[in-house]
Amino acid sequence: MPEGLPPYVLVARIGSILAMSFALAIGFLFLLAGWVLLSLAAFACFIPAFALMAFVERHAGTTKG
């Protein structure tokens, strides 16, 4: 982790990557089972996790000073 980066950025990265991985895995399992609408809903859960990570990193970049 780079110097001066707040610890909450690391927590947000880990949580977001876990959420994105889980969303993709569940989406693929639903898709293999033939449940297309549920798989699309699971894939859609990827977006908020990615947005959270992008928001936290952007916020940390602007307040880094």
C-alpha atoms as a PDB file:
ATOM      1  CA  MET A   1       0.000   0.000   0.000  1.00  0.00           C
ATOM      2  CA  PRO A   2       1.429   3.402  -0.905  1.00  0.00           C
ATOM      3  CA  GLU A   3       2.526   5.728   1.865  1.00  0.00           C
ATOM      4  CA  GLY A   4      -0.084   8.181   3.049  1.00  0.00           C
ATOM      5  CA  LEU A   5      -3.052   6.168   1.788  1.00  0.00           C
ATOM      6  CA  PRO A   6      -5.747   5.849   4.474  1.00  0.00           C
ATOM      7  CA  PRO A   7      -6.489   2.348   5.791  1.00  0.00           C
ATOM      8  CA  TYR A   8     -10.153   2.551   4.799  1.00  0.00           C
ATOM      9  CA  VAL A   9      -9.069   2.407   1.150  1.00  0.00           C
ATOM     10  CA  LEU A  10      -7.537  -1.016   1.742  1.00  0.00           C
ATOM     11  CA  VAL A  11     -10.688  -2.217   3.503  1.00  0.00           C
ATOM     12  CA  ALA A  12     -12.845  -0.894   0.652  1.00  0.00           C
ATOM     13  CA  ARG A  13     -10.638  -2.575  -1.950  1.00  0.00           C
ATOM     14  CA  ILE A  14     -10.786  -5.941  -0.197  1.00  0.00           C
ATOM     15  CA  GLY A  15     -14.530  -5.738   0.385  1.00  0.00           C
ATOM     16  CA  SER A  16     -15.253  -4.593  -3.145  1.00  0.00           C
ATOM     17  CA  ILE A  17     -13.133  -7.284  -4.744  1.00  0.00           C
ATOM     18  CA  LEU A  18     -14.796  -9.950  -2.603  1.00  0.00           C
ATOM     19  CA  ALA A  19     -18.248  -8.628  -3.525  1.00  0.00           C
ATOM     20  CA  MET A  20     -17.399  -8.441  -7.225  1.00  0.00           C
ATOM     21  CA  SER A  21     -15.997 -11.977  -7.210  1.00  0.00           C
ATOM     22  CA  PHE A  22     -19.047 -13.304  -5.379  1.00  0.00           C
ATOM     23  CA  ALA A  23     -21.433 -11.538  -7.766  1.00  0.00           C
ATOM     24  CA  LEU A  24     -19.675 -12.954 -10.815  1.00  0.00           C
ATOM     25  CA  ALA A  25     -19.473 -16.465  -9.376  1.00  0.00           C
ATOM     26  CA  ILE A  26     -23.147 -16.550  -8.414  1.00  0.00           C
ATOM     27  CA  GLY A  27     -24.090 -15.039 -11.765  1.00  0.00           C
ATOM     28  CA  PHE A  28     -22.192 -17.728 -13.665  1.00  0.00           C
ATOM     29  CA  LEU A  29     -23.732 -20.485 -11.542  1.00  0.00           C
ATOM     30  CA  PHE A  30     -27.232 -19.152 -12.186  1.00  0.00           C
ATOM     31  CA  LEU A  31     -26.442 -18.839 -15.877  1.00  0.00           C
ATOM     32  CA  LEU A  32     -25.245 -22.447 -16.020  1.00  0.00           C
ATOM     33  CA  ALA A  33     -28.442 -23.524 -14.266  1.00  0.00           C
ATOM     34  CA  GLY A  34     -30.486 -21.746 -16.917  1.00  0.00           C
ATOM     35  CA  TRP A  35     -31.856 -19.003 -14.673  1.00  0.00           C
ATOM     36  CA  VAL A  36     -31.119 -16.034 -16.880  1.00  0.00           C
ATOM     37  CA  LEU A  37     -32.985 -13.350 -14.919  1.00  0.00           C
ATOM     38  CA  LEU A  38     -31.353 -14.335 -11.633  1.00  0.00           C
ATOM     39  CA  SER A  39     -27.952 -14.382 -13.307  1.00  0.00           C
ATOM     40  CA  LEU A  40     -28.528 -10.887 -14.695  1.00  0.00           C
ATOM     41  CA  ALA A  41     -29.496  -9.682 -11.220  1.00  0.00           C
ATOM     42  CA  ALA A  42     -26.335 -11.224  -9.775  1.00  0.00           C
ATOM     43  CA  PHE A  43     -24.220  -9.666 -12.518  1.00  0.00           C
ATOM     44  CA  ALA A  44     -25.873  -6.308 -11.790  1.00  0.00           C
ATOM     45  CA  CYS A  45     -24.620  -6.548  -8.188  1.00  0.00           C
ATOM     46  CA  PHE A  46     -21.110  -6.175  -9.620  1.00  0.00           C
ATOM     47  CA  ILE A  47     -21.769  -2.514 -10.452  1.00  0.00           C
ATOM     48  CA  PRO A  48     -22.303  -1.121  -6.911  1.00  0.00           C
ATOM     49  CA  ALA A  49     -19.222  -2.942  -5.633  1.00  0.00           C
ATOM     50  CA  PHE A  50     -17.086  -1.488  -8.404  1.00  0.00           C
ATOM     51  CA  ALA A  51     -18.619   1.957  -7.889  1.00  0.00           C
ATOM     52  CA  LEU A  52     -17.836   1.820  -4.172  1.00  0.00           C
ATOM     53  CA  MET A  53     -14.199   1.016  -4.866  1.00  0.00           C
ATOM     54  CA  ALA A  54     -13.925   3.770  -7.470  1.00  0.00           C
ATOM     55  CA  PHE A  55     -15.591   6.312  -5.169  1.00  0.00           C
ATOM     56  CA  VAL A  56     -13.361   5.508  -2.180  1.00  0.00           C
ATOM     57  CA  GLU A  57     -10.163   5.641  -4.231  1.00  0.00           C
ATOM     58  CA  ARG A  58     -11.208   8.911  -5.875  1.00  0.00           C
ATOM     59  CA  HIS A  59     -12.126  10.394  -2.484  1.00  0.00           C
ATOM     60  CA  ALA A  60      -8.783   9.309  -0.999  1.00  0.00           C
ATOM     61  CA  GLY A  61      -6.952  10.801  -3.987  1.00  0.00           C
ATOM     62  CA  THR A  62      -8.569  14.195  -3.532  1.00  0.00           C
ATOM     63  CA  THR A  63      -8.048  14.349   0.236  1.00  0.00           C
ATOM     64  CA  LYS A  64      -4.507  13.008   0.131  1.00  0.00           C
ATOM     65  CA  GLY A  65      -3.126  16.503  -0.054  1.00  0.00           C
END
